[in-house]
Amino acid sequence: MLKSIILLLFAAIVISLFSGLWFLLQDQSRSQRTVNSLIIRVSLASVLLLLLIYGFYSGEISLRSPFPVPTS
């Protein structure tokens, strides 16, 4: 469940990134839509970071090494 929420947030961040680029190219600094897109993107990124921290802390997300770790 947590992993799907993280993926959805990441997708929303990418969509916000490209919508901000679109607003920047279309409006040419005449409106606040680019700034609003940036605010939304930063807010989503902070929520994503908090969810990742929670996931690692709770154990729902773990780091996996593709190589065996030597135990000597």
N, C-alpha and C. Protein backbone atom coordinates (compact mmCIF):
# COMPACT_ATOMS: atom_id res chain seq x y z
N MET A 1 0.82 -1.19 0.00
CA MET A 1 0.00 0.00 0.00
C MET A 1 0.87 1.26 0.00
N LEU A 2 1.88 1.27 0.87
CA LEU A 2 2.75 2.44 0.96
C LEU A 2 3.55 2.64 -0.33
N LYS A 3 3.96 1.55 -0.94
CA LYS A 3 4.73 1.65 -2.18
C LYS A 3 3.90 2.24 -3.31
N SER A 4 2.64 1.90 -3.37
CA SER A 4 1.79 2.46 -4.42
C SER A 4 1.53 3.95 -4.19
N ILE A 5 1.41 4.36 -2.94
CA ILE A 5 1.25 5.79 -2.64
C ILE A 5 2.50 6.55 -3.04
N ILE A 6 3.66 5.96 -2.78
CA ILE A 6 4.92 6.59 -3.15
C ILE A 6 5.03 6.73 -4.66
N LEU A 7 4.64 5.69 -5.39
CA LEU A 7 4.67 5.76 -6.85
C LEU A 7 3.70 6.81 -7.39
N LEU A 8 2.53 6.91 -6.80
CA LEU A 8 1.57 7.94 -7.23
C LEU A 8 2.09 9.35 -6.95
N LEU A 9 2.72 9.54 -5.80
CA LEU A 9 3.30 10.85 -5.50
C LEU A 9 4.42 11.19 -6.46
N PHE A 10 5.26 10.21 -6.78
CA PHE A 10 6.33 10.45 -7.73
C PHE A 10 5.76 10.83 -9.10
N ALA A 11 4.72 10.14 -9.53
CA ALA A 11 4.09 10.47 -10.82
C ALA A 11 3.49 11.87 -10.78
N ALA A 12 2.89 12.25 -9.65
CA ALA A 12 2.32 13.59 -9.54
C ALA A 12 3.42 14.65 -9.58
N ILE A 13 4.58 14.35 -9.02
CA ILE A 13 5.70 15.30 -9.06
C ILE A 13 6.17 15.49 -10.50
N VAL A 14 6.27 14.41 -11.25
CA VAL A 14 6.70 14.50 -12.65
C VAL A 14 5.67 15.26 -13.47
N ILE A 15 4.39 15.01 -13.25
CA ILE A 15 3.34 15.74 -13.96
C ILE A 15 3.39 17.22 -13.62
N SER A 16 3.61 17.55 -12.36
CA SER A 16 3.72 18.94 -11.95
C SER A 16 4.95 19.60 -12.57
N LEU A 17 6.02 18.85 -12.71
CA LEU A 17 7.23 19.39 -13.34
C LEU A 17 6.96 19.77 -14.79
N PHE A 18 6.33 18.88 -15.53
CA PHE A 18 6.06 19.18 -16.93
C PHE A 18 4.96 20.22 -17.11
N SER A 19 4.00 20.27 -16.20
CA SER A 19 2.99 21.33 -16.32
C SER A 19 3.61 22.69 -16.02
N GLY A 20 4.55 22.75 -15.08
CA GLY A 20 5.26 24.01 -14.83
C GLY A 20 6.06 24.46 -16.04
N LEU A 21 6.71 23.51 -16.72
CA LEU A 21 7.43 23.85 -17.94
C LEU A 21 6.47 24.36 -19.01
N TRP A 22 5.34 23.71 -19.13
CA TRP A 22 4.34 24.13 -20.13
C TRP A 22 3.84 25.55 -19.82
N PHE A 23 3.54 25.81 -18.54
CA PHE A 23 3.08 27.15 -18.16
C PHE A 23 4.15 28.19 -18.40
N LEU A 24 5.41 27.84 -18.14
CA LEU A 24 6.51 28.77 -18.35
C LEU A 24 6.65 29.13 -19.82
N LEU A 25 6.50 28.14 -20.69
CA LEU A 25 6.64 28.40 -22.12
C LEU A 25 5.43 29.12 -22.70
N GLN A 26 4.23 28.83 -22.19
CA GLN A 26 3.03 29.42 -22.75
C GLN A 26 2.75 30.83 -22.22
N ASP A 27 2.93 31.03 -20.92
CA ASP A 27 2.56 32.31 -20.32
C ASP A 27 3.65 33.37 -20.46
N GLN A 28 4.88 32.98 -20.52
CA GLN A 28 6.03 33.87 -20.62
C GLN A 28 6.01 34.94 -19.52
N SER A 29 5.90 34.45 -18.28
CA SER A 29 6.01 35.26 -17.06
C SER A 29 4.88 36.26 -16.87
N ARG A 30 3.71 35.97 -17.37
CA ARG A 30 2.59 36.88 -17.17
C ARG A 30 1.60 36.38 -16.13
N SER A 31 1.77 35.17 -15.61
CA SER A 31 0.82 34.66 -14.63
C SER A 31 1.55 33.93 -13.51
N GLN A 32 0.81 33.53 -12.53
CA GLN A 32 1.37 32.86 -11.37
C GLN A 32 1.29 31.34 -11.48
N ARG A 33 0.87 30.82 -12.63
CA ARG A 33 0.70 29.37 -12.74
C ARG A 33 2.02 28.61 -12.60
N THR A 34 3.11 29.20 -13.08
CA THR A 34 4.41 28.54 -12.93
C THR A 34 4.82 28.47 -11.46
N VAL A 35 4.59 29.55 -10.74
CA VAL A 35 4.92 29.59 -9.31
C VAL A 35 4.04 28.62 -8.54
N ASN A 36 2.77 28.56 -8.87
CA ASN A 36 1.87 27.61 -8.21
C ASN A 36 2.29 26.16 -8.49
N SER A 37 2.74 25.90 -9.69
CA SER A 37 3.22 24.55 -10.02
C SER A 37 4.46 24.21 -9.21
N LEU A 38 5.33 25.18 -9.03
CA LEU A 38 6.52 24.96 -8.21
C LEU A 38 6.15 24.69 -6.75
N ILE A 39 5.20 25.43 -6.22
CA ILE A 39 4.76 25.23 -4.84
C ILE A 39 4.16 23.83 -4.68
N ILE A 40 3.36 23.42 -5.64
CA ILE A 40 2.77 22.08 -5.57
C ILE A 40 3.85 21.01 -5.64
N ARG A 41 4.83 21.20 -6.53
CA ARG A 41 5.89 20.22 -6.69
C ARG A 41 6.74 20.10 -5.44
N VAL A 42 7.07 21.21 -4.82
CA VAL A 42 7.87 21.18 -3.58
C VAL A 42 7.07 20.54 -2.45
N SER A 43 5.79 20.82 -2.38
CA SER A 43 4.94 20.22 -1.34
C SER A 43 4.85 18.70 -1.53
N LEU A 44 4.64 18.26 -2.76
CA LEU A 44 4.57 16.83 -3.03
C LEU A 44 5.90 16.14 -2.74
N ALA A 45 7.01 16.81 -3.05
CA ALA A 45 8.32 16.22 -2.80
C ALA A 45 8.58 16.09 -1.29
N SER A 46 8.13 17.06 -0.51
CA SER A 46 8.32 16.96 0.94
C SER A 46 7.45 15.86 1.53
N VAL A 47 6.24 15.69 1.03
CA VAL A 47 5.38 14.60 1.49
C VAL A 47 6.00 13.26 1.10
N LEU A 48 6.55 13.19 -0.11
CA LEU A 48 7.22 11.96 -0.55
C LEU A 48 8.40 11.63 0.34
N LEU A 49 9.20 12.63 0.69
CA LEU A 49 10.34 12.40 1.56
C LEU A 49 9.89 11.92 2.94
N LEU A 50 8.85 12.51 3.47
CA LEU A 50 8.33 12.08 4.77
C LEU A 50 7.80 10.64 4.71
N LEU A 51 7.14 10.28 3.63
CA LEU A 51 6.65 8.91 3.48
C LEU A 51 7.79 7.91 3.35
N LEU A 52 8.85 8.30 2.66
CA LEU A 52 10.01 7.42 2.56
C LEU A 52 10.67 7.23 3.92
N ILE A 53 10.80 8.29 4.67
CA ILE A 53 11.38 8.18 6.02
C ILE A 53 10.51 7.29 6.89
N TYR A 54 9.20 7.47 6.83
CA TYR A 54 8.29 6.63 7.60
C TYR A 54 8.39 5.17 7.17
N GLY A 55 8.48 4.94 5.87
CA GLY A 55 8.56 3.57 5.36
C GLY A 55 9.82 2.86 5.82
N PHE A 56 10.95 3.56 5.81
CA PHE A 56 12.19 2.95 6.30
C PHE A 56 12.14 2.74 7.81
N TYR A 57 11.57 3.71 8.53
CA TYR A 57 11.50 3.60 9.99
C TYR A 57 10.59 2.46 10.43
N SER A 58 9.45 2.31 9.75
CA SER A 58 8.50 1.28 10.14
C SER A 58 8.87 -0.10 9.61
N GLY A 59 9.76 -0.17 8.64
CA GLY A 59 10.17 -1.45 8.10
C GLY A 59 9.38 -1.89 6.88
N GLU A 60 8.45 -1.08 6.41
CA GLU A 60 7.68 -1.45 5.22
C GLU A 60 8.54 -1.36 3.96
N ILE A 61 9.56 -0.51 4.00
CA ILE A 61 10.50 -0.38 2.89
C ILE A 61 11.87 -0.74 3.45
N SER A 62 12.59 -1.57 2.73
CA SER A 62 13.93 -1.93 3.20
C SER A 62 14.91 -1.83 2.04
N LEU A 63 16.15 -1.64 2.39
CA LEU A 63 17.21 -1.59 1.39
C LEU A 63 17.65 -3.01 1.07
N ARG A 64 17.82 -3.29 -0.19
CA ARG A 64 18.29 -4.60 -0.62
C ARG A 64 19.56 -4.41 -1.44
N SER A 65 20.58 -5.11 -1.06
CA SER A 65 21.83 -5.05 -1.79
C SER A 65 21.85 -6.16 -2.84
N PRO A 66 22.20 -5.84 -4.08
CA PRO A 66 22.22 -6.90 -5.10
C PRO A 66 23.43 -7.81 -4.98
N PHE A 67 24.40 -7.42 -4.16
CA PHE A 67 25.60 -8.21 -3.98
C PHE A 67 25.68 -8.70 -2.55
N PRO A 68 26.21 -9.91 -2.32
CA PRO A 68 26.33 -10.41 -0.94
C PRO A 68 27.33 -9.56 -0.15
N VAL A 69 26.96 -9.29 1.09
CA VAL A 69 27.82 -8.48 1.96
C VAL A 69 28.78 -9.42 2.69
N PRO A 70 30.10 -9.17 2.60
CA PRO A 70 31.04 -10.03 3.33
C PRO A 70 30.89 -9.86 4.84
N THR A 71 30.99 -10.94 5.57
CA THR A 71 30.79 -10.92 7.03
C THR A 71 32.09 -11.22 7.76
N SER A 72 33.17 -10.56 7.39
CA SER A 72 34.43 -10.82 8.09
C SER A 72 34.93 -9.63 8.85
